[in-house]
């Protein structure tokens, strides 16, 4: 890990304990990841399952974006 990665991980660790919003988005992200894993083990998806998989992927990305925004705000002192 380089210094930037270490600093970012330290910021995330601090936010996990101090910021309920960050914790909420991180839990949501993990839940969505688990949902996606259920799709990955299936050999074929129905069209409905494929639509749901894409929806979950978008929600997971949105959760990650919110987490990263909170990290950026905390670094600039606006958390």
N, C-alpha and C. Protein backbone atom coordinates (compact mmCIF):
# COMPACT_ATOMS: atom_id res chain seq x y z
N UNK A 1 0.85 -1.19 0.00
CA UNK A 1 0.00 0.00 0.00
C UNK A 1 0.88 1.24 0.00
N UNK A 2 0.50 2.19 -0.82
CA UNK A 2 1.25 3.45 -0.80
C UNK A 2 0.67 4.38 0.26
N UNK A 3 1.32 5.52 0.45
CA UNK A 3 0.93 6.46 1.51
C UNK A 3 -0.49 6.95 1.30
N UNK A 4 -0.87 7.23 0.05
CA UNK A 4 -2.22 7.72 -0.23
C UNK A 4 -3.28 6.68 0.16
N UNK A 5 -3.03 5.41 -0.17
CA UNK A 5 -3.97 4.35 0.17
C UNK A 5 -4.07 4.18 1.68
N UNK A 6 -2.94 4.28 2.37
CA UNK A 6 -2.94 4.16 3.83
C UNK A 6 -3.74 5.30 4.45
N UNK A 7 -3.53 6.52 3.96
CA UNK A 7 -4.27 7.67 4.47
C UNK A 7 -5.76 7.52 4.22
N UNK A 8 -6.13 7.04 3.03
CA UNK A 8 -7.55 6.87 2.72
C UNK A 8 -8.17 5.80 3.60
N UNK A 9 -7.47 4.70 3.82
CA UNK A 9 -7.99 3.65 4.69
C UNK A 9 -8.14 4.16 6.11
N UNK A 10 -7.19 4.97 6.57
CA UNK A 10 -7.29 5.55 7.91
C UNK A 10 -8.50 6.47 8.01
N UNK A 11 -8.76 7.24 6.96
CA UNK A 11 -9.93 8.13 6.94
C UNK A 11 -11.21 7.30 6.98
N UNK A 12 -11.27 6.22 6.21
CA UNK A 12 -12.47 5.36 6.21
C UNK A 12 -12.67 4.72 7.59
N UNK A 13 -11.58 4.27 8.21
CA UNK A 13 -11.67 3.66 9.52
C UNK A 13 -12.21 4.65 10.55
N UNK A 14 -11.73 5.88 10.50
CA UNK A 14 -12.21 6.92 11.41
C UNK A 14 -13.68 7.22 11.16
N UNK A 15 -14.07 7.30 9.89
CA UNK A 15 -15.47 7.58 9.55
C UNK A 15 -16.39 6.46 10.01
N UNK A 16 -15.91 5.22 9.96
CA UNK A 16 -16.73 4.09 10.42
C UNK A 16 -17.14 4.27 11.87
N UNK A 17 -16.25 4.82 12.67
CA UNK A 17 -16.56 4.97 14.09
C UNK A 17 -17.24 6.29 14.42
N UNK A 18 -16.99 7.34 13.61
CA UNK A 18 -17.47 8.68 13.96
C UNK A 18 -18.64 9.18 13.13
N UNK A 19 -18.91 8.57 12.00
CA UNK A 19 -19.90 9.14 11.09
C UNK A 19 -21.00 8.12 10.78
N UNK A 20 -22.18 8.28 11.38
CA UNK A 20 -23.26 7.32 11.15
C UNK A 20 -23.71 7.27 9.68
N UNK A 21 -23.64 8.39 8.98
CA UNK A 21 -24.04 8.39 7.57
C UNK A 21 -23.09 7.51 6.75
N UNK A 22 -21.80 7.65 6.99
CA UNK A 22 -20.81 6.83 6.29
C UNK A 22 -21.07 5.35 6.59
N UNK A 23 -21.26 5.05 7.87
CA UNK A 23 -21.51 3.66 8.28
C UNK A 23 -22.75 3.10 7.58
N UNK A 24 -23.80 3.92 7.47
CA UNK A 24 -25.04 3.48 6.81
C UNK A 24 -24.78 3.14 5.34
N UNK A 25 -24.05 4.02 4.64
CA UNK A 25 -23.76 3.77 3.22
C UNK A 25 -22.83 2.57 3.05
N UNK A 26 -21.89 2.40 3.97
CA UNK A 26 -21.00 1.25 3.87
C UNK A 26 -21.77 -0.06 4.07
N UNK A 27 -22.70 -0.08 5.02
CA UNK A 27 -23.52 -1.26 5.24
C UNK A 27 -24.41 -1.53 4.03
N UNK A 28 -24.96 -0.48 3.44
CA UNK A 28 -25.79 -0.62 2.24
C UNK A 28 -24.95 -1.19 1.09
N UNK A 29 -23.75 -0.68 0.93
CA UNK A 29 -22.85 -1.15 -0.12
C UNK A 29 -22.56 -2.64 0.05
N UNK A 30 -22.27 -3.04 1.27
CA UNK A 30 -21.98 -4.46 1.55
C UNK A 30 -23.21 -5.34 1.29
N UNK A 31 -24.38 -4.87 1.69
CA UNK A 31 -25.60 -5.62 1.44
C UNK A 31 -25.85 -5.81 -0.05
N UNK A 32 -25.63 -4.75 -0.81
CA UNK A 32 -25.82 -4.83 -2.26
C UNK A 32 -24.79 -5.77 -2.89
N UNK A 33 -23.57 -5.76 -2.37
CA UNK A 33 -22.52 -6.67 -2.85
C UNK A 33 -22.96 -8.12 -2.64
N UNK A 34 -23.51 -8.41 -1.48
CA UNK A 34 -23.99 -9.76 -1.20
C UNK A 34 -25.12 -10.15 -2.15
N UNK A 35 -26.01 -9.20 -2.44
CA UNK A 35 -27.09 -9.47 -3.38
C UNK A 35 -26.53 -9.79 -4.76
N UNK A 36 -25.54 -9.02 -5.19
CA UNK A 36 -24.92 -9.27 -6.49
C UNK A 36 -24.27 -10.65 -6.55
N UNK A 37 -23.69 -11.06 -5.45
CA UNK A 37 -23.05 -12.38 -5.41
C UNK A 37 -24.06 -13.50 -5.65
N UNK A 38 -25.31 -13.30 -5.24
CA UNK A 38 -26.32 -14.33 -5.48
C UNK A 38 -26.61 -14.47 -6.97
N UNK A 39 -26.49 -13.37 -7.71
CA UNK A 39 -26.67 -13.43 -9.15
C UNK A 39 -25.47 -14.10 -9.83
N UNK A 40 -24.29 -13.88 -9.29
CA UNK A 40 -23.07 -14.39 -9.91
C UNK A 40 -23.00 -15.91 -9.90
N UNK A 41 -23.61 -16.55 -8.92
CA UNK A 41 -23.52 -18.02 -8.84
C UNK A 41 -24.49 -18.72 -9.78
N UNK A 42 -25.41 -17.97 -10.33
CA UNK A 42 -26.37 -18.56 -11.26
C UNK A 42 -25.78 -18.60 -12.66
N UNK A 43 -25.99 -19.70 -13.32
CA UNK A 43 -25.44 -19.86 -14.67
C UNK A 43 -26.15 -18.95 -15.66
N UNK A 44 -27.45 -18.92 -15.59
CA UNK A 44 -28.25 -18.08 -16.49
C UNK A 44 -29.21 -17.23 -15.67
N UNK A 45 -29.45 -16.02 -16.14
CA UNK A 45 -30.40 -15.14 -15.50
C UNK A 45 -31.59 -14.92 -16.42
N UNK A 46 -32.77 -14.87 -15.82
CA UNK A 46 -33.94 -14.51 -16.62
C UNK A 46 -33.82 -13.02 -16.96
N UNK A 47 -34.59 -12.56 -17.94
CA UNK A 47 -34.55 -11.12 -18.24
C UNK A 47 -34.87 -10.26 -17.01
N UNK A 48 -35.80 -10.71 -16.18
CA UNK A 48 -36.15 -9.97 -14.98
C UNK A 48 -34.98 -9.94 -13.99
N UNK A 49 -34.31 -11.07 -13.86
CA UNK A 49 -33.15 -11.13 -12.97
C UNK A 49 -32.02 -10.24 -13.49
N UNK A 50 -31.85 -10.20 -14.79
CA UNK A 50 -30.81 -9.35 -15.38
C UNK A 50 -31.10 -7.87 -15.11
N UNK A 51 -32.37 -7.47 -15.24
CA UNK A 51 -32.76 -6.10 -14.94
C UNK A 51 -32.49 -5.78 -13.46
N UNK A 52 -32.85 -6.71 -12.60
CA UNK A 52 -32.63 -6.52 -11.16
C UNK A 52 -31.13 -6.45 -10.85
N UNK A 53 -30.34 -7.29 -11.49
CA UNK A 53 -28.89 -7.27 -11.28
C UNK A 53 -28.31 -5.90 -11.66
N UNK A 54 -28.74 -5.37 -12.79
CA UNK A 54 -28.27 -4.05 -13.23
C UNK A 54 -28.72 -2.96 -12.26
N UNK A 55 -29.95 -3.07 -11.75
CA UNK A 55 -30.45 -2.09 -10.79
C UNK A 55 -29.61 -2.11 -9.51
N UNK A 56 -29.30 -3.30 -9.03
CA UNK A 56 -28.50 -3.45 -7.82
C UNK A 56 -27.08 -2.91 -8.05
N UNK A 57 -26.52 -3.17 -9.23
CA UNK A 57 -25.20 -2.63 -9.54
C UNK A 57 -25.19 -1.10 -9.47
N UNK A 58 -26.23 -0.48 -10.01
CA UNK A 58 -26.33 0.98 -9.98
C UNK A 58 -26.47 1.50 -8.55
N UNK A 59 -27.27 0.83 -7.74
CA UNK A 59 -27.44 1.23 -6.35
C UNK A 59 -26.12 1.09 -5.58
N UNK A 60 -25.40 0.01 -5.87
CA UNK A 60 -24.12 -0.22 -5.21
C UNK A 60 -23.13 0.89 -5.58
N UNK A 61 -23.10 1.25 -6.85
CA UNK A 61 -22.22 2.33 -7.30
C UNK A 61 -22.60 3.66 -6.65
N UNK A 62 -23.90 3.91 -6.54
CA UNK A 62 -24.36 5.15 -5.89
C UNK A 62 -23.93 5.17 -4.42
N UNK A 63 -24.01 4.04 -3.75
CA UNK A 63 -23.58 3.96 -2.35
C UNK A 63 -22.08 4.24 -2.25
N UNK A 64 -21.31 3.67 -3.15
CA UNK A 64 -19.86 3.90 -3.16
C UNK A 64 -19.56 5.38 -3.40
N UNK A 65 -20.29 5.99 -4.33
CA UNK A 65 -20.11 7.42 -4.60
C UNK A 65 -20.40 8.26 -3.35
N UNK A 66 -21.45 7.92 -2.61
CA UNK A 66 -21.78 8.66 -1.39
C UNK A 66 -20.68 8.49 -0.35
N UNK A 67 -20.16 7.27 -0.22
CA UNK A 67 -19.07 7.03 0.72
C UNK A 67 -17.85 7.86 0.35
N UNK A 68 -17.50 7.89 -0.91
CA UNK A 68 -16.34 8.66 -1.35
C UNK A 68 -16.55 10.16 -1.15
N UNK A 69 -17.77 10.63 -1.34
CA UNK A 69 -18.07 12.04 -1.10
C UNK A 69 -17.87 12.37 0.38
N UNK A 70 -18.30 11.49 1.26
CA UNK A 70 -18.13 11.72 2.69
C UNK A 70 -16.64 11.73 3.04
N UNK A 71 -15.85 10.84 2.44
CA UNK A 71 -14.40 10.83 2.67
C UNK A 71 -13.80 12.15 2.21
N UNK A 72 -14.19 12.62 1.02
CA UNK A 72 -13.66 13.91 0.51
C UNK A 72 -14.03 15.06 1.42
N UNK A 73 -15.30 15.08 1.88
CA UNK A 73 -15.73 16.15 2.79
C UNK A 73 -14.92 16.12 4.08
N UNK A 74 -14.67 14.92 4.59
CA UNK A 74 -13.94 14.82 5.86
C UNK A 74 -12.51 15.31 5.70
N UNK A 75 -11.93 15.08 4.56
CA UNK A 75 -10.56 15.55 4.32
C UNK A 75 -10.49 17.07 4.23
N UNK A 76 -11.54 17.67 3.69
CA UNK A 76 -11.53 19.13 3.54
C UNK A 76 -12.11 19.82 4.78
N UNK A 77 -12.50 19.02 5.78
CA UNK A 77 -12.99 19.59 7.01
C UNK A 77 -14.46 19.95 7.01
N UNK A 78 -15.23 19.39 6.08
CA UNK A 78 -16.66 19.69 5.98
C UNK A 78 -17.54 18.50 6.33
N UNK A 79 -17.02 17.54 7.05
CA UNK A 79 -17.79 16.34 7.37
C UNK A 79 -18.81 16.59 8.43
